[in-house]
Every structure is written in C-alpha cells, then in structure tokens.
Protein backbone atom coordinates (compact mmCIF):
# COMPACT_ATOMS: atom_id res chain seq x y z
CA MET A 1 -20.47 -4.78 8.35
CA THR A 2 -24.39 -3.81 9.14
CA ASP A 3 -27.05 -2.70 7.37
CA GLU A 4 -26.18 0.98 9.15
CA GLN A 5 -22.56 1.17 8.57
CA ARG A 6 -23.60 0.40 4.89
CA ASP A 7 -26.06 2.88 4.58
CA MET A 8 -24.19 5.57 5.94
CA LEU A 9 -20.12 4.62 4.19
CA GLN A 10 -22.93 4.68 0.63
CA ARG A 11 -23.97 8.27 2.06
CA ILE A 12 -20.42 9.14 2.74
CA LEU A 13 -19.27 8.23 -0.66
CA ASN A 14 -22.06 9.50 -2.70
CA GLY A 15 -21.56 13.28 -1.59
CA ALA A 16 -17.99 12.72 -1.57
CA ARG A 17 -15.80 14.61 -4.27
CA LYS A 18 -12.32 15.02 -3.46
CA ALA A 19 -12.77 11.69 -1.61
CA VAL A 20 -8.89 9.40 -0.25
CA PHE A 21 -8.08 6.42 0.39
CA PHE A 22 -4.85 5.96 2.61
CA GLY A 23 -4.55 2.27 2.71
CA GLY A 24 -2.16 0.12 3.92
CA ALA A 25 -0.98 -4.39 4.18
CA GLY A 26 -4.66 -5.09 5.47
CA VAL A 27 -6.12 -3.97 2.05
CA SER A 28 -4.01 -6.61 0.03
CA THR A 29 -4.95 -9.92 1.95
CA GLU A 30 -7.82 -10.50 0.48
CA SER A 31 -5.69 -11.27 -2.72
CA GLY A 32 -3.68 -13.62 -0.65
CA ILE A 33 -0.87 -11.58 0.16
CA PRO A 34 -0.26 -11.99 3.82
CA ASP A 35 0.07 -8.37 5.56
CA PHE A 36 2.48 -7.75 8.37
CA ARG A 37 1.52 -7.75 12.22
CA SER A 38 -1.44 -10.01 12.59
CA VAL A 39 -0.89 -13.72 14.33
CA ASP A 40 0.19 -14.90 10.45
CA GLY A 41 1.32 -11.95 9.56
CA LEU A 42 5.29 -11.39 8.01
CA TYR A 43 6.41 -10.57 11.78
CA HIS A 44 5.03 -13.72 13.38
CA GLN A 45 7.40 -16.15 11.00
CA LYS A 46 10.83 -17.18 11.60
CA PHE A 47 13.83 -16.12 9.90
CA ASP A 48 17.20 -16.20 10.34
CA TYR A 49 16.95 -12.52 11.06
CA PRO A 50 14.40 -10.13 11.88
CA PRO A 51 11.93 -9.17 8.91
CA GLU A 52 12.76 -5.18 9.55
CA THR A 53 16.49 -6.59 9.77
CA MET A 54 16.25 -8.45 6.61
CA LEU A 55 14.49 -5.25 4.82
CA SER A 56 16.46 -2.79 5.90
CA ALA A 57 19.06 -0.32 3.55
CA THR A 58 21.97 -2.09 5.47
CA PHE A 59 21.25 -5.67 5.30
CA PHE A 60 20.88 -5.52 1.36
CA HIS A 61 24.54 -3.67 1.45
CA THR A 62 26.13 -6.22 3.33
CA HIS A 63 24.05 -9.39 2.66
CA THR A 64 22.88 -8.89 -1.07
CA ALA A 65 22.19 -12.84 -1.49
CA GLU A 66 20.30 -13.46 1.39
CA PHE A 67 18.40 -9.88 1.12
CA TYR A 68 17.33 -11.51 -2.66
CA ARG A 69 15.99 -14.44 -1.50
CA PHE A 70 14.06 -13.14 1.16
CA TYR A 71 12.94 -10.70 -1.41
CA ARG A 72 11.78 -13.02 -3.55
CA GLU A 73 10.22 -15.86 -1.16
CA LYS A 74 8.29 -13.37 0.29
CA MET A 75 7.89 -9.53 -1.49
CA LEU A 76 7.28 -10.98 -4.52
CA ALA A 77 3.41 -11.79 -5.03
CA LEU A 78 2.81 -11.81 -8.61
CA ASP A 79 0.32 -14.11 -9.25
CA ALA A 80 -1.90 -12.05 -7.34
CA LYS A 81 -4.99 -9.91 -8.50
CA PRO A 82 -6.76 -7.08 -7.59
CA ASN A 83 -9.49 -7.63 -4.64
CA ALA A 84 -13.15 -5.81 -4.78
CA ALA A 85 -11.33 -3.54 -2.54
CA HIS A 86 -9.23 -1.91 -5.27
CA ARG A 87 -11.90 -2.85 -8.27
CA LYS A 88 -14.17 -0.09 -6.39
CA LEU A 89 -11.78 2.07 -5.44
CA ALA A 90 -10.90 2.19 -9.49
CA GLU A 91 -14.32 2.91 -10.14
CA LEU A 92 -15.01 5.46 -7.88
CA GLU A 93 -12.81 7.66 -9.11
CA GLN A 94 -13.31 6.76 -12.39
CA ALA A 95 -16.77 8.13 -11.41
CA GLY A 96 -15.74 11.71 -9.71
CA HIS A 97 -15.33 10.72 -6.24
CA LEU A 98 -12.29 9.42 -4.87
CA ALA A 99 -9.23 11.85 -5.89
CA ALA A 100 -6.40 9.62 -5.23
CA VAL A 101 -5.53 6.58 -3.67
CA VAL A 102 -2.39 6.62 -0.94
CA THR A 103 -0.81 3.29 -0.76
CA GLN A 104 1.67 1.95 1.57
CA ASN A 105 1.88 -0.81 0.14
CA ILE A 106 3.94 -2.26 -2.80
CA ASP A 107 2.46 -4.69 -4.91
CA GLY A 108 0.39 -1.99 -7.54
CA LEU A 109 -2.86 -3.70 -7.52
CA HIS A 110 -4.47 -0.10 -7.65
CA GLN A 111 -3.25 0.08 -10.66
CA MET A 112 -3.51 -2.85 -11.69
CA ALA A 113 -7.41 -3.17 -10.70
CA GLY A 114 -7.62 0.84 -13.07
CA SER A 115 -7.02 4.07 -10.27
CA ARG A 116 -5.20 6.37 -12.28
CA THR A 117 -3.30 8.65 -9.13
CA VAL A 118 -1.76 6.24 -6.45
CA TYR A 119 0.78 7.77 -4.60
CA GLU A 120 2.96 5.34 -3.54
CA LEU A 121 4.73 5.91 -0.03
CA HIS A 122 6.92 3.07 0.06
CA GLY A 123 7.44 2.23 -4.02
CA SER A 124 6.97 -0.58 -6.00
CA VAL A 125 8.00 -4.34 -6.65
CA HIS A 126 7.59 -3.51 -10.01
CA ARG A 127 10.11 -0.74 -10.65
CA ASN A 128 13.75 -2.39 -10.61
CA ARG A 129 16.56 0.42 -11.20
CA CYS A 130 20.78 -0.55 -11.98
CA LEU A 131 22.55 1.01 -9.32
CA ARG A 132 25.28 2.19 -11.73
CA CYS A 133 23.77 2.87 -15.38
CA GLY A 134 19.86 3.64 -14.33
CA ALA A 135 18.76 0.44 -16.21
CA MET A 136 14.91 -0.66 -15.29
CA TYR A 137 14.29 -3.86 -14.81
CA ASP A 138 10.70 -5.43 -13.61
CA ALA A 139 9.49 -7.59 -11.19
CA ALA A 140 9.30 -10.94 -13.41
CA TRP A 141 12.60 -10.21 -14.87
CA VAL A 142 14.11 -10.13 -10.83
CA ALA A 143 11.67 -13.09 -9.94
CA ALA A 144 13.52 -14.88 -13.05
CA THR A 145 16.87 -14.12 -11.32
CA GLU A 146 18.89 -16.67 -9.04
CA GLY A 147 21.53 -15.09 -6.69
CA ILE A 148 22.33 -11.14 -6.87
CA PRO A 149 20.63 -9.81 -10.40
CA LEU A 150 23.30 -7.82 -12.09
CA CYS A 151 22.12 -5.18 -14.83
CA GLU A 152 22.11 -6.61 -18.07
CA LYS A 153 23.60 -3.51 -19.64
CA CYS A 154 26.56 -2.90 -17.30
CA GLY A 155 26.90 -5.66 -14.73
CA ASN A 156 26.12 -3.66 -11.04
CA LEU A 157 23.90 -4.29 -9.01
CA VAL A 158 19.99 -4.19 -9.64
CA LYS A 159 17.86 -2.49 -6.62
CA PRO A 160 14.02 -2.76 -6.02
CA GLU A 161 12.27 0.98 -5.96
CA VAL A 162 11.27 0.05 -2.49
CA VAL A 163 11.55 1.80 0.54
CA LEU A 164 13.72 -0.07 2.85
CA TYR A 165 13.99 0.83 6.24
CA GLU A 166 16.65 3.64 7.01
CA GLU A 167 15.63 5.06 3.46
CA SER A 168 13.47 8.00 3.20
CA LEU A 169 9.76 7.96 1.36
CA PRO A 170 10.35 9.01 -2.64
CA GLU A 171 9.89 12.93 -2.18
CA ASP A 172 7.21 13.43 -5.63
CA ALA A 173 5.60 10.21 -3.62
CA VAL A 174 4.71 12.52 -0.03
CA GLU A 175 3.98 15.75 -2.01
CA GLY A 176 1.47 14.47 -4.24
CA ALA A 177 -0.29 12.19 -0.57
CA VAL A 178 0.03 15.35 1.47
CA LYS A 179 -1.44 17.79 -0.93
CA ALA A 180 -4.42 14.79 -1.80
CA ILE A 181 -5.06 14.88 1.88
CA ALA A 182 -4.92 18.32 2.55
CA GLU A 183 -7.80 19.24 -0.02
CA ALA A 184 -10.21 15.94 0.65
CA ASP A 185 -13.34 16.11 1.78
CA VAL A 186 -12.86 12.45 2.86
CA LEU A 187 -10.50 10.41 4.14
CA ILE A 188 -10.84 6.66 3.81
CA VAL A 189 -8.35 4.99 6.29
CA GLY A 190 -8.46 1.20 5.25
CA GLY A 191 -6.23 -2.31 5.77
CA THR A 192 -3.55 0.10 7.98
CA SER A 193 -2.37 -0.66 12.08
CA LEU A 194 -1.14 3.23 11.18
CA ALA A 195 1.53 2.13 13.30
CA VAL A 196 4.46 2.94 10.70
CA TYR A 197 5.84 6.17 10.22
CA PRO A 198 6.38 8.86 8.69
CA ALA A 199 3.51 7.70 6.46
CA ALA A 200 0.67 7.18 9.10
CA GLY A 201 1.43 11.19 10.22
CA PHE A 202 -0.23 12.09 7.03
CA LEU A 203 -3.46 11.94 8.58
CA ARG A 204 -2.87 14.83 10.27
CA TYR A 205 -3.12 17.62 7.66
CA PHE A 206 -6.86 16.18 7.04
CA ARG A 207 -9.21 19.31 7.36
CA GLY A 208 -12.31 17.04 4.96
CA SER A 209 -15.75 17.29 6.43
CA HIS A 210 -16.07 12.93 7.02
CA LEU A 211 -13.20 10.30 8.03
CA VAL A 212 -13.69 6.77 7.78
CA VAL A 213 -11.67 3.64 9.69
CA MET A 214 -12.16 0.14 8.10
CA ASN A 215 -9.43 -1.60 9.46
CA ARG A 216 -10.53 -4.71 11.95
CA ASP A 217 -7.78 -3.65 14.84
CA GLU A 218 -8.59 -0.42 16.68
CA THR A 219 -6.35 2.03 15.34
CA SER A 220 -5.44 5.37 16.47
CA ALA A 221 -7.53 7.63 14.23
CA ASP A 222 -11.12 5.83 15.80
CA ARG A 223 -11.36 8.30 18.28
CA ASN A 224 -11.81 11.15 15.22
CA ALA A 225 -13.81 8.85 13.43
CA ASP A 226 -17.26 9.10 11.62
CA LEU A 227 -17.31 5.67 10.61
CA ILE A 228 -15.50 2.43 12.09
CA ILE A 229 -15.93 -0.79 10.03
CA ARG A 230 -14.30 -3.76 11.20
CA ASP A 231 -15.48 -5.99 8.14
CA PRO A 232 -12.75 -6.72 4.98
CA ILE A 233 -12.38 -3.77 3.75
CA GLY A 234 -12.92 -5.72 -0.04
CA ALA A 235 -16.39 -6.87 1.60
CA SER A 236 -17.79 -4.06 2.72
CA LEU A 237 -16.45 -1.93 -0.25
CA ASP A 238 -18.03 -3.85 -2.47
CA GLN A 239 -21.32 -3.39 -1.40
CA VAL A 240 -21.31 0.52 -2.04
CA VAL A 241 -23.04 1.37 -5.38
CA VAL A 242 -21.31 3.72 -7.59
CA LYS A 243 -23.94 6.27 -9.00
C-alpha cells in the first residue's frame, strides 16, 4: 500500500460513523485458511468429487460420510487465529467508526477478534444442529467425532449450520446485512471476488459516500470505488490509526 493510499484510507475511516465491512475468504488467508478461487485455493485441488458438489445439500444427504471426511479435513480450521484485519475491524467498531461486518466466511474469526455486530451470510462451522431434536454442538465436538456425527441425545444426524449449495441464505443475516449496507456511509469490500451470488448482489444497496475495495484481483466493484488496494488486507488495515 502506498503512502497516498494509506492516507486516503485513514481519512475515509476517520470520518466514518456507519462504515460496513463486506468480506470474503481473502480476509482469512492471513490466518492460514485457504481461499477458494486462487491458484492454491480449494477449487484448484484434486478430490474425488468437485468441491462444489461435496459442499451441496444433495451431497450432504446422499454421501454423508464422504461429506464429513471432506468437511473435517478442509473446512474446519480450528487452530486458526484472528489476523490484523479481524483485530483492526473490531477496534474500529469499538471506536464507533464501524457499524457492522458482513462476512461470507464461516470461520468465526471476526467474533473471536472482538467484533460484536457480524452478519454471517453463509453460517458458521461453530454451530451444528441435530436435524431431529435441535440439540446444538460446537465445531470441536464435530472434529472429534468419527464417520457421521450423531446426536448424543436422540441419535439423529447432526448438520453444520453452514449454507451449502442449493440452500438459501439465513433470513436474519440477510435482513441485517441489507439494512447495515443501506445505512452505511462507508463500505469496505475486502477479500472477495464478488463472484458468489446472492451475497455479492448486496452491494447494490449501498448509497453512502465512499466505497473502498481491498482485494488482490479485480472485482466488479472496482469501477465505482474511490480507493482500490491490492495489498494484503491485514497488513493494510494494520496501518490505520484508530482515533
């Protein structure tokens, strides 16, 4: 990030009172969690089935054991810790500059860093629900099970509360995200290719004064952005002084 970019980002965030951060997988790569579409990402690795297939609702119900083998190996990163991006966003919220985080990630790192208002569009690995009795289990419990995880109370199948392909986004998260973006004075888009819908379509609700894009590659939002930063998000945000 150049000095000019840093100074402009600082000015924008200094004046923000209802900023919203809209983030994707690139936010967590600095925590050691691989993204999906980069050269080393999940979609470029070789599996028995395409990842899009294994992360579908149909595959979950028809190949449950295979789903959980993939899920435990590739989707649970329980040793990951928040990076500088997560920590700075939490700091901005506490200082009254950031109103909400809208995330496509399922790792829970924003909350771990201290962010309070987080809308998880694709759910979370940290919530796992029995499909019969509704009993809840954490991610560590799922990681410790073998084969298909069954509820300790009723013996039925336990499903992660993550949004699989073919499933709808959680209504409460959608409503909260749309409202936050519509009311935002600044929108920061970070670590997302804006290729996944309907989540990427939420940007159309933004009517604020400044749009910042922080992403390694070009996005569809670049043409409307006041500031574009191609450097790592954590390293860039870490240079912001919260006032």
